[in-house]
Amino acid sequence: MEISSLIDGYELFKDKKFKKYQNKFLDLVKNGQNPKVLFIACSDSRVDPTLITSASPGELFVLRNIGNFVPPFSPDDDYHATAAGIEY
């Protein structure tokens, strides 16, 4: 993807999609997020959780990592990024 495509995509979001969801975004800023779903997904660029689930802003909490890997809980210094994403 070219930088110009990223800029065009941002402009499209700002001009169309933000306006469509503006009240929802303002509500999320004012009242915070409280999604009912934690979606653990791969960091693979071909997988977009909001796209494949047709989720709206604020409906998914997305935790992305390599290979959708959820390591077993361990109280030591290993694997804390995934555990923190799930816990918080």
N, C-alpha and C. Protein backbone atom coordinates (compact mmCIF):
# COMPACT_ATOMS: atom_id res chain seq x y z
N MET A 1 0.85 -1.17 0.00
CA MET A 1 0.00 0.00 0.00
C MET A 1 0.89 1.23 0.00
N GLU A 2 0.57 2.13 -0.86
CA GLU A 2 1.32 3.38 -0.96
C GLU A 2 0.87 4.36 0.12
N ILE A 3 1.75 5.26 0.49
CA ILE A 3 1.42 6.30 1.47
C ILE A 3 0.22 7.11 1.00
N SER A 4 0.15 7.39 -0.28
CA SER A 4 -0.98 8.17 -0.80
C SER A 4 -2.31 7.44 -0.58
N SER A 5 -2.28 6.11 -0.64
CA SER A 5 -3.50 5.33 -0.38
C SER A 5 -3.90 5.42 1.09
N LEU A 6 -2.91 5.44 1.98
CA LEU A 6 -3.21 5.60 3.40
C LEU A 6 -3.85 6.97 3.66
N ILE A 7 -3.30 7.98 3.03
CA ILE A 7 -3.84 9.33 3.19
C ILE A 7 -5.26 9.40 2.63
N ASP A 8 -5.47 8.81 1.46
CA ASP A 8 -6.81 8.79 0.87
C ASP A 8 -7.79 8.05 1.78
N GLY A 9 -7.34 6.94 2.35
CA GLY A 9 -8.19 6.18 3.27
C GLY A 9 -8.55 6.98 4.50
N TYR A 10 -7.58 7.71 5.02
CA TYR A 10 -7.86 8.57 6.18
C TYR A 10 -8.88 9.65 5.82
N GLU A 11 -8.71 10.26 4.66
CA GLU A 11 -9.65 11.29 4.21
C GLU A 11 -11.05 10.72 4.07
N LEU A 12 -11.16 9.52 3.52
CA LEU A 12 -12.45 8.86 3.39
C LEU A 12 -13.08 8.62 4.76
N PHE A 13 -12.26 8.13 5.69
CA PHE A 13 -12.75 7.91 7.05
C PHE A 13 -13.25 9.22 7.66
N LYS A 14 -12.43 10.25 7.57
CA LYS A 14 -12.77 11.54 8.17
C LYS A 14 -14.04 12.12 7.56
N ASP A 15 -14.17 12.02 6.25
CA ASP A 15 -15.29 12.65 5.56
C ASP A 15 -16.57 11.82 5.58
N LYS A 16 -16.47 10.51 5.65
CA LYS A 16 -17.67 9.66 5.55
C LYS A 16 -17.92 8.84 6.81
N LYS A 17 -16.98 7.96 7.15
CA LYS A 17 -17.23 7.02 8.24
C LYS A 17 -17.28 7.69 9.60
N PHE A 18 -16.40 8.66 9.84
CA PHE A 18 -16.45 9.34 11.13
C PHE A 18 -17.79 10.03 11.30
N LYS A 19 -18.27 10.66 10.25
CA LYS A 19 -19.56 11.34 10.34
C LYS A 19 -20.69 10.35 10.63
N LYS A 20 -20.61 9.18 10.02
CA LYS A 20 -21.63 8.15 10.24
C LYS A 20 -21.67 7.72 11.70
N TYR A 21 -20.50 7.59 12.32
CA TYR A 21 -20.40 7.09 13.69
C TYR A 21 -20.03 8.18 14.70
N GLN A 22 -20.15 9.44 14.32
CA GLN A 22 -19.68 10.52 15.18
C GLN A 22 -20.30 10.47 16.58
N ASN A 23 -21.59 10.27 16.68
CA ASN A 23 -22.23 10.21 18.00
C ASN A 23 -21.72 9.02 18.81
N LYS A 24 -21.49 7.90 18.14
CA LYS A 24 -20.96 6.71 18.82
C LYS A 24 -19.55 6.99 19.34
N PHE A 25 -18.70 7.60 18.52
CA PHE A 25 -17.34 7.93 18.96
C PHE A 25 -17.37 8.87 20.15
N LEU A 26 -18.22 9.89 20.09
CA LEU A 26 -18.31 10.84 21.20
C LEU A 26 -18.80 10.15 22.47
N ASP A 27 -19.75 9.24 22.34
CA ASP A 27 -20.23 8.48 23.49
C ASP A 27 -19.12 7.61 24.07
N LEU A 28 -18.32 6.98 23.21
CA LEU A 28 -17.21 6.15 23.68
C LEU A 28 -16.16 6.98 24.40
N VAL A 29 -15.93 8.20 23.93
CA VAL A 29 -14.97 9.09 24.60
C VAL A 29 -15.52 9.51 25.95
N LYS A 30 -16.78 9.89 25.98
CA LYS A 30 -17.40 10.39 27.21
C LYS A 30 -17.59 9.29 28.26
N ASN A 31 -18.08 8.13 27.83
CA ASN A 31 -18.46 7.08 28.77
C ASN A 31 -17.50 5.89 28.81
N GLY A 32 -16.51 5.89 27.95
CA GLY A 32 -15.55 4.78 27.92
C GLY A 32 -16.08 3.60 27.12
N GLN A 33 -15.20 2.67 26.90
CA GLN A 33 -15.57 1.48 26.14
C GLN A 33 -15.98 0.36 27.09
N ASN A 34 -16.88 -0.48 26.64
CA ASN A 34 -17.33 -1.62 27.42
C ASN A 34 -17.76 -2.74 26.46
N PRO A 35 -16.83 -3.17 25.58
CA PRO A 35 -17.22 -4.21 24.63
C PRO A 35 -17.53 -5.51 25.36
N LYS A 36 -18.46 -6.26 24.82
CA LYS A 36 -18.86 -7.55 25.40
C LYS A 36 -18.00 -8.69 24.87
N VAL A 37 -17.20 -8.41 23.86
CA VAL A 37 -16.43 -9.45 23.19
C VAL A 37 -14.95 -9.11 23.17
N LEU A 38 -14.13 -10.07 23.59
CA LEU A 38 -12.68 -10.01 23.39
C LEU A 38 -12.38 -10.92 22.21
N PHE A 39 -11.88 -10.36 21.14
CA PHE A 39 -11.58 -11.10 19.93
C PHE A 39 -10.07 -11.25 19.85
N ILE A 40 -9.58 -12.47 20.01
CA ILE A 40 -8.14 -12.74 19.91
C ILE A 40 -7.86 -13.13 18.47
N ALA A 41 -7.02 -12.34 17.82
CA ALA A 41 -6.77 -12.53 16.39
C ALA A 41 -5.28 -12.51 16.11
N CYS A 42 -4.95 -13.04 14.97
CA CYS A 42 -3.58 -13.02 14.50
C CYS A 42 -3.21 -11.61 14.05
N SER A 43 -1.95 -11.27 14.17
CA SER A 43 -1.49 -9.97 13.69
C SER A 43 -1.33 -9.96 12.17
N ASP A 44 -1.65 -11.05 11.52
CA ASP A 44 -1.61 -11.18 10.07
C ASP A 44 -2.47 -10.08 9.43
N SER A 45 -1.91 -9.37 8.48
CA SER A 45 -2.61 -8.25 7.85
C SER A 45 -3.84 -8.69 7.06
N ARG A 46 -3.96 -9.98 6.77
CA ARG A 46 -5.11 -10.46 6.01
C ARG A 46 -6.33 -10.69 6.88
N VAL A 47 -6.15 -10.62 8.20
CA VAL A 47 -7.24 -10.87 9.14
C VAL A 47 -7.63 -9.56 9.80
N ASP A 48 -8.85 -9.12 9.58
CA ASP A 48 -9.35 -7.88 10.17
C ASP A 48 -10.63 -8.19 10.94
N PRO A 49 -10.53 -8.33 12.27
CA PRO A 49 -11.69 -8.74 13.07
C PRO A 49 -12.94 -7.87 12.88
N THR A 50 -12.78 -6.56 12.80
CA THR A 50 -13.96 -5.72 12.63
C THR A 50 -14.59 -5.90 11.26
N LEU A 51 -13.77 -6.15 10.27
CA LEU A 51 -14.29 -6.35 8.91
C LEU A 51 -15.04 -7.68 8.81
N ILE A 52 -14.44 -8.76 9.33
CA ILE A 52 -15.07 -10.08 9.16
C ILE A 52 -16.27 -10.28 10.08
N THR A 53 -16.41 -9.47 11.12
CA THR A 53 -17.58 -9.58 12.01
C THR A 53 -18.59 -8.46 11.80
N SER A 54 -18.28 -7.53 10.93
CA SER A 54 -19.13 -6.35 10.70
C SER A 54 -19.41 -5.59 11.99
N ALA A 55 -18.42 -5.54 12.87
CA ALA A 55 -18.57 -4.85 14.15
C ALA A 55 -18.50 -3.34 13.97
N SER A 56 -19.23 -2.65 14.82
CA SER A 56 -19.20 -1.19 14.85
C SER A 56 -18.19 -0.73 15.89
N PRO A 57 -17.81 0.54 15.87
CA PRO A 57 -16.87 1.05 16.87
C PRO A 57 -17.36 0.76 18.29
N GLY A 58 -16.46 0.26 19.12
CA GLY A 58 -16.77 -0.01 20.51
C GLY A 58 -17.35 -1.39 20.79
N GLU A 59 -17.59 -2.20 19.77
CA GLU A 59 -18.21 -3.51 19.98
C GLU A 59 -17.21 -4.63 20.24
N LEU A 60 -15.97 -4.46 19.79
CA LEU A 60 -14.95 -5.50 19.99
C LEU A 60 -13.75 -4.92 20.70
N PHE A 61 -13.21 -5.68 21.64
CA PHE A 61 -11.88 -5.41 22.15
C PHE A 61 -11.00 -6.41 21.44
N VAL A 62 -10.05 -5.94 20.66
CA VAL A 62 -9.24 -6.82 19.81
C VAL A 62 -7.83 -6.93 20.37
N LEU A 63 -7.41 -8.15 20.60
CA LEU A 63 -6.05 -8.47 21.02
C LEU A 63 -5.41 -9.22 19.87
N ARG A 64 -4.39 -8.62 19.27
CA ARG A 64 -3.74 -9.26 18.13
C ARG A 64 -2.32 -9.66 18.50
N ASN A 65 -1.97 -10.86 18.12
CA ASN A 65 -0.61 -11.34 18.32
C ASN A 65 -0.26 -12.33 17.21
N ILE A 66 0.93 -12.83 17.26
CA ILE A 66 1.37 -13.76 16.22
C ILE A 66 0.71 -15.12 16.44
N GLY A 67 -0.09 -15.54 15.48
CA GLY A 67 -0.68 -16.87 15.48
C GLY A 67 -1.87 -17.07 16.40
N ASN A 68 -2.54 -16.01 16.85
CA ASN A 68 -3.67 -16.14 17.78
C ASN A 68 -3.27 -16.89 19.05
N PHE A 69 -2.04 -16.82 19.41
CA PHE A 69 -1.50 -17.63 20.50
C PHE A 69 -1.90 -17.07 21.86
N VAL A 70 -2.53 -17.92 22.68
CA VAL A 70 -2.84 -17.56 24.06
C VAL A 70 -2.05 -18.52 24.94
N PRO A 71 -0.94 -18.06 25.49
CA PRO A 71 -0.10 -18.94 26.30
C PRO A 71 -0.76 -19.24 27.64
N PRO A 72 -0.37 -20.33 28.27
CA PRO A 72 -0.91 -20.64 29.59
C PRO A 72 -0.48 -19.58 30.59
N PHE A 73 -1.31 -19.35 31.60
CA PHE A 73 -0.97 -18.38 32.63
C PHE A 73 0.30 -18.81 33.34
N SER A 74 1.15 -17.84 33.63
CA SER A 74 2.38 -18.10 34.35
C SER A 74 2.70 -16.88 35.21
N PRO A 75 2.91 -17.07 36.51
CA PRO A 75 3.16 -15.92 37.39
C PRO A 75 4.58 -15.36 37.30
N ASP A 76 5.38 -15.86 36.37
CA ASP A 76 6.75 -15.36 36.25
C ASP A 76 6.82 -14.21 35.24
N ASP A 77 7.96 -13.97 34.65
CA ASP A 77 8.15 -12.83 33.76
C ASP A 77 7.87 -13.13 32.29
N ASP A 78 7.25 -14.25 31.99
CA ASP A 78 7.00 -14.63 30.60
C ASP A 78 5.55 -14.36 30.19
N TYR A 79 5.36 -14.05 28.91
CA TYR A 79 4.05 -13.98 28.26
C TYR A 79 3.10 -12.93 28.83
N HIS A 80 3.58 -11.88 29.43
CA HIS A 80 2.68 -10.95 30.09
C HIS A 80 1.88 -10.06 29.15
N ALA A 81 2.33 -9.84 27.95
CA ALA A 81 1.58 -8.96 27.04
C ALA A 81 0.20 -9.54 26.73
N THR A 82 0.14 -10.81 26.40
CA THR A 82 -1.14 -11.44 26.10
C THR A 82 -2.02 -11.51 27.34
N ALA A 83 -1.44 -11.91 28.46
CA ALA A 83 -2.22 -12.00 29.70
C ALA A 83 -2.76 -10.63 30.10
N ALA A 84 -1.97 -9.60 29.97
CA ALA A 84 -2.43 -8.25 30.31
C ALA A 84 -3.56 -7.82 29.38
N GLY A 85 -3.46 -8.15 28.11
CA GLY A 85 -4.52 -7.81 27.17
C GLY A 85 -5.83 -8.48 27.52
N ILE A 86 -5.78 -9.71 27.99
CA ILE A 86 -6.99 -10.43 28.39
C ILE A 86 -7.52 -9.88 29.70
N GLU A 87 -6.64 -9.65 30.66
CA GLU A 87 -7.07 -9.21 31.99
C GLU A 87 -7.68 -7.82 31.98
N TYR A 88 -7.07 -6.92 31.22
CA TYR A 88 -7.54 -5.54 31.26
C TYR A 88 -8.52 -5.24 30.17
